[in-house]
Amino acid sequence: MLAASTGLAVLTMALRAQDTSQAAQVASMSEDIQMLSQEVKQLSLQVETLSQNNAALQKQIISQKDVETMVQNAIAESHGDTRNDITQANSELRKEIVDEVSKQIDALTKDTNRQLAALAKAEQGAPVAAATTTATTGATPALSANTTAPVTFSDDYPRTGIEYVILSGDSLAKIARKHGSTVRDIENANHISNPSGLQVGRTIFLPQKTPAPATPAGNATATATPVAVPPAATN
């Protein structure tokens, strides 16, 4: 009986110890479960925070896309307006250029017509003047190969002077200086409109305010009385 009691006590103690161990395990598991629950809550909070951040980022992305779209539309509209302005400016500039060129062409045409009319009038009047002067004076004119617009000559020059045959290399200034005359008097007396086109071998009249020397030098012929003035000529 004593042995049975002892065994029963041992078994009871073992069972108690086992219950205590299981209770400790259960308590430990409960703590683990609580810790896991807290961690799950924290994870849930983190997931919720991430979701909120993601939503905010999506809104920002959408907002940025809207801004980019607005900027692109504004740029496209600005480019369109700029192209229209450039096209309009080019059209206006072309019109102004065409108008200005047309005005210049019209003015040039009118000026050309006036010059042609004056040239035709000069060509018609020059032979008559030459013929009239030749008939009056009987002198040989110094003619030029080119006919230009009418030039007015003065009769205010000395009626005395000498006749002179033009040589190669002569100029009116040189002739006037050598024989005591002036370029203007020689031009008026001989109706020379082109001093640079003197014809070698032609005889012209050199007006002089003082009597010519008794023995002239070179190819000049002295006259004591007024020499007939040559007819109108263009030279």
Protein backbone atom coordinates (compact mmCIF):
# COMPACT_ATOMS: atom_id res chain seq x y z
CA MET A 1 0.00 0.00 0.00
CA LEU A 2 2.84 2.34 0.78
CA ALA A 3 4.40 1.71 -2.61
CA ALA A 4 1.13 2.33 -4.35
CA SER A 5 0.68 5.57 -2.54
CA THR A 6 4.19 6.62 -3.37
CA GLY A 7 3.71 5.84 -7.04
CA LEU A 8 0.47 7.72 -7.10
CA ALA A 9 2.12 10.74 -5.52
CA VAL A 10 4.93 10.62 -8.04
CA LEU A 11 2.46 10.35 -10.87
CA THR A 12 0.49 13.23 -9.48
CA MET A 13 3.60 15.35 -9.23
CA ALA A 14 4.59 14.42 -12.75
CA LEU A 15 1.19 15.35 -14.00
CA ARG A 16 1.35 18.61 -12.13
CA ALA A 17 4.79 19.31 -13.50
CA GLN A 18 3.52 18.49 -16.97
CA ASP A 19 0.56 20.78 -16.49
CA THR A 20 2.85 23.51 -15.27
CA SER A 21 5.10 23.05 -18.28
CA GLN A 22 2.13 23.09 -20.65
CA ALA A 23 0.78 26.17 -18.93
CA ALA A 24 4.13 27.87 -19.35
CA GLN A 25 4.19 26.87 -23.00
CA VAL A 26 0.67 28.16 -23.44
CA ALA A 27 1.62 31.41 -21.72
CA SER A 28 4.67 31.71 -23.92
CA MET A 29 2.59 31.04 -27.01
CA SER A 30 0.10 33.65 -25.89
CA GLU A 31 2.89 36.19 -25.57
CA ASP A 32 4.15 35.23 -29.02
CA ILE A 33 0.66 35.59 -30.40
CA GLN A 34 0.35 39.03 -28.81
CA MET A 35 3.71 40.08 -30.24
CA LEU A 36 2.67 38.78 -33.65
CA SER A 37 -0.59 40.67 -33.36
CA GLN A 38 1.30 43.88 -32.58
CA GLU A 39 3.66 43.29 -35.48
CA VAL A 40 0.68 42.64 -37.76
CA LYS A 41 -0.87 45.88 -36.58
CA GLN A 42 2.37 47.73 -37.25
CA LEU A 43 2.60 46.13 -40.67
CA SER A 44 -0.99 47.12 -41.34
CA LEU A 45 -0.18 50.69 -40.35
CA GLN A 46 2.88 50.67 -42.58
CA VAL A 47 0.85 49.23 -45.46
CA GLU A 48 -1.79 51.89 -44.92
CA THR A 49 0.89 54.59 -44.82
CA LEU A 50 2.44 53.21 -48.01
CA SER A 51 -0.97 53.17 -49.64
CA GLN A 52 -1.54 56.77 -48.65
CA ASN A 53 1.90 57.75 -49.93
CA ASN A 54 1.25 55.86 -53.16
CA ALA A 55 -2.05 57.65 -53.63
CA ALA A 56 -0.34 60.99 -53.01
CA LEU A 57 2.39 60.12 -55.49
CA GLN A 58 -0.19 59.12 -58.07
CA LYS A 59 -1.92 62.45 -57.55
CA GLN A 60 1.38 64.26 -57.99
CA ILE A 61 2.12 62.28 -61.13
CA ILE A 62 -1.30 63.10 -62.52
CA SER A 63 -0.82 66.74 -61.56
CA GLN A 64 2.60 66.81 -63.24
CA LYS A 65 1.13 65.23 -66.35
CA ASP A 66 -1.57 67.87 -66.36
CA VAL A 67 1.06 70.57 -66.00
CA GLU A 68 3.13 69.06 -68.81
CA THR A 69 0.04 68.86 -70.98
CA MET A 70 -0.80 72.48 -70.23
CA VAL A 71 2.78 73.55 -70.98
CA GLN A 72 2.80 71.60 -74.24
CA ASN A 73 -0.53 73.10 -75.25
CA ALA A 74 0.70 76.58 -74.37
CA ILE A 75 3.91 76.03 -76.34
CA ALA A 76 1.98 74.70 -79.33
CA GLU A 77 -0.41 77.64 -79.17
CA SER A 78 2.49 80.07 -78.85
CA HIS A 79 4.27 78.47 -81.80
CA GLY A 80 1.08 78.67 -83.80
CA ASP A 81 0.67 82.35 -83.00
CA THR A 82 4.34 82.98 -83.79
CA ARG A 83 4.05 81.21 -87.14
CA ASN A 84 0.97 83.22 -87.95
CA ASP A 85 2.72 86.45 -86.97
CA ILE A 86 5.77 85.54 -89.07
CA THR A 87 3.59 84.61 -92.05
CA GLN A 88 1.67 87.87 -91.77
CA ALA A 89 4.88 89.88 -91.37
CA ASN A 90 6.40 88.17 -94.41
CA SER A 91 3.29 88.90 -96.45
CA GLU A 92 3.33 92.56 -95.42
CA LEU A 93 7.07 92.81 -96.10
CA ARG A 94 6.67 91.25 -99.55
CA LYS A 95 3.85 93.66 -100.32
CA GLU A 96 5.95 96.64 -99.20
CA ILE A 97 8.90 95.46 -101.31
CA VAL A 98 6.70 94.95 -104.37
CA ASP A 99 5.12 98.39 -103.91
CA GLU A 100 8.50 100.06 -103.49
CA VAL A 101 9.98 98.29 -106.51
CA SER A 102 6.93 99.22 -108.57
CA LYS A 103 7.31 102.87 -107.55
CA GLN A 104 11.00 102.83 -108.46
CA ILE A 105 10.26 101.18 -111.80
CA ASP A 106 7.57 103.77 -112.55
CA ALA A 107 9.90 106.63 -111.60
CA LEU A 108 12.72 105.14 -113.67
CA THR A 109 10.37 104.67 -116.63
CA LYS A 110 9.20 108.28 -116.43
CA ASP A 111 12.76 109.56 -116.10
CA THR A 112 13.88 107.40 -119.05
CA ASN A 113 11.01 108.65 -121.16
CA ARG A 114 11.90 112.27 -120.29
CA GLN A 115 15.53 111.70 -121.21
CA LEU A 116 14.58 109.97 -124.46
CA ALA A 117 12.24 112.84 -125.32
CA ALA A 118 14.96 115.39 -124.55
CA LEU A 119 17.49 113.40 -126.59
CA ALA A 120 15.08 113.15 -129.52
CA LYS A 121 14.42 116.88 -129.30
CA ALA A 122 18.16 117.58 -129.19
CA GLU A 123 18.79 115.34 -132.18
CA GLN A 124 16.06 117.12 -134.11
CA GLY A 125 17.26 120.62 -133.13
CA ALA A 126 21.06 120.14 -133.43
CA PRO A 127 21.29 119.90 -137.26
CA VAL A 128 19.12 122.99 -137.68
CA ALA A 129 21.30 125.01 -135.32
CA ALA A 130 24.47 123.82 -137.02
CA ALA A 131 23.15 124.61 -140.46
CA THR A 132 22.00 128.08 -139.38
CA THR A 133 25.34 128.92 -137.78
CA THR A 134 27.29 127.62 -140.77
CA ALA A 135 25.28 129.73 -143.12
CA THR A 136 25.86 132.78 -140.93
CA THR A 137 29.57 132.43 -140.12
CA GLY A 138 30.93 130.19 -142.87
CA ALA A 139 33.34 128.48 -140.42
CA THR A 140 33.96 124.76 -139.97
CA PRO A 141 32.34 123.35 -136.82
CA ALA A 142 34.16 121.04 -134.41
CA LEU A 143 31.68 118.14 -134.34
CA SER A 144 31.62 115.26 -131.88
CA ALA A 145 30.68 111.70 -132.56
CA ASN A 146 28.30 111.67 -129.59
CA THR A 147 25.11 113.73 -129.36
CA THR A 148 24.02 114.67 -125.85
CA ALA A 149 21.26 116.72 -124.32
CA PRO A 150 21.15 120.41 -125.37
CA VAL A 151 23.77 122.61 -123.71
CA THR A 152 23.29 126.35 -123.40
CA PHE A 153 26.16 128.48 -124.62
CA SER A 154 26.77 132.16 -123.95
CA ASP A 155 27.68 134.84 -126.47
CA ASP A 156 29.66 136.70 -123.82
CA TYR A 157 33.22 136.09 -125.08
CA PRO A 158 35.82 138.23 -126.94
CA ARG A 159 35.21 138.47 -130.68
CA THR A 160 38.91 138.79 -131.45
CA GLY A 161 41.31 135.91 -131.30
CA ILE A 162 43.05 133.26 -133.35
CA GLU A 163 42.23 130.05 -135.12
CA TYR A 164 43.84 126.92 -133.79
CA VAL A 165 44.20 123.38 -135.18
CA ILE A 166 43.73 120.75 -132.49
CA LEU A 167 46.77 118.50 -131.97
CA SER A 168 47.08 115.10 -130.37
CA GLY A 169 47.24 115.42 -126.58
CA ASP A 170 45.59 118.83 -126.53
CA SER A 171 43.02 119.82 -123.95
CA LEU A 172 40.98 122.98 -123.65
CA ALA A 173 42.78 123.94 -120.46
CA LYS A 174 46.19 123.49 -122.09
CA ILE A 175 45.18 125.41 -125.22
CA ALA A 176 43.61 128.25 -123.20
CA ARG A 177 46.63 128.58 -120.93
CA LYS A 178 49.08 128.59 -123.87
CA HIS A 179 47.22 131.15 -125.99
CA GLY A 180 45.82 133.54 -123.39
CA SER A 181 42.19 132.40 -123.56
CA THR A 182 39.79 130.68 -121.18
CA VAL A 183 38.15 127.26 -121.34
CA ARG A 184 34.67 128.77 -121.02
CA ASP A 185 35.27 131.28 -123.83
CA ILE A 186 36.55 128.51 -126.11
CA GLU A 187 33.53 126.34 -125.27
CA ASN A 188 31.10 129.21 -125.93
CA ALA A 189 32.79 130.31 -129.14
CA ASN A 190 32.92 126.81 -130.62
CA HIS A 191 29.86 125.32 -128.90
CA ILE A 192 31.92 122.50 -127.39
CA SER A 193 29.76 120.46 -125.02
CA ASN A 194 32.23 117.60 -124.51
CA PRO A 195 35.74 118.98 -123.81
CA SER A 196 37.17 115.47 -123.44
CA GLY A 197 36.16 114.56 -127.01
CA LEU A 198 38.29 117.03 -128.98
CA GLN A 199 38.93 115.90 -132.58
CA VAL A 200 42.52 116.11 -133.77
CA GLY A 201 42.91 118.20 -136.96
CA ARG A 202 39.82 120.34 -136.38
CA THR A 203 40.13 124.10 -136.46
CA ILE A 204 38.63 126.02 -133.57
CA PHE A 205 38.48 129.71 -132.65
CA LEU A 206 40.37 130.91 -129.55
CA PRO A 207 38.85 134.14 -128.16
CA GLN A 208 41.44 136.56 -126.75
CA LYS A 209 40.88 139.77 -124.81
CA THR A 210 44.18 141.23 -126.05
CA PRO A 211 45.37 141.43 -129.68
CA ALA A 212 47.23 138.36 -130.92
CA PRO A 213 51.05 138.58 -131.33
CA ALA A 214 52.43 139.39 -134.78
CA THR A 215 54.12 136.01 -135.16
CA PRO A 216 52.20 133.20 -133.43
CA ALA A 217 53.92 129.99 -132.46
CA GLY A 218 52.96 126.45 -133.32
CA ASN A 219 49.85 125.77 -135.29
CA ALA A 220 47.93 128.95 -134.28
CA THR A 221 47.12 131.68 -136.80
CA ALA A 222 47.03 135.29 -135.53
CA THR A 223 44.33 137.70 -136.64
CA ALA A 224 44.25 141.44 -136.25
CA THR A 225 40.54 141.61 -136.90
CA PRO A 226 37.72 139.54 -135.39
CA VAL A 227 37.59 136.01 -136.73
CA ALA A 228 34.28 134.48 -137.66
CA VAL A 229 32.92 132.38 -134.84
CA PRO A 230 32.45 128.71 -135.73
CA PRO A 231 28.92 127.29 -135.91
CA ALA A 232 27.21 125.44 -133.10
CA ALA A 233 28.73 122.04 -132.56
CA THR A 234 28.74 119.32 -129.97
CA ASN A 235 32.21 118.13 -129.03
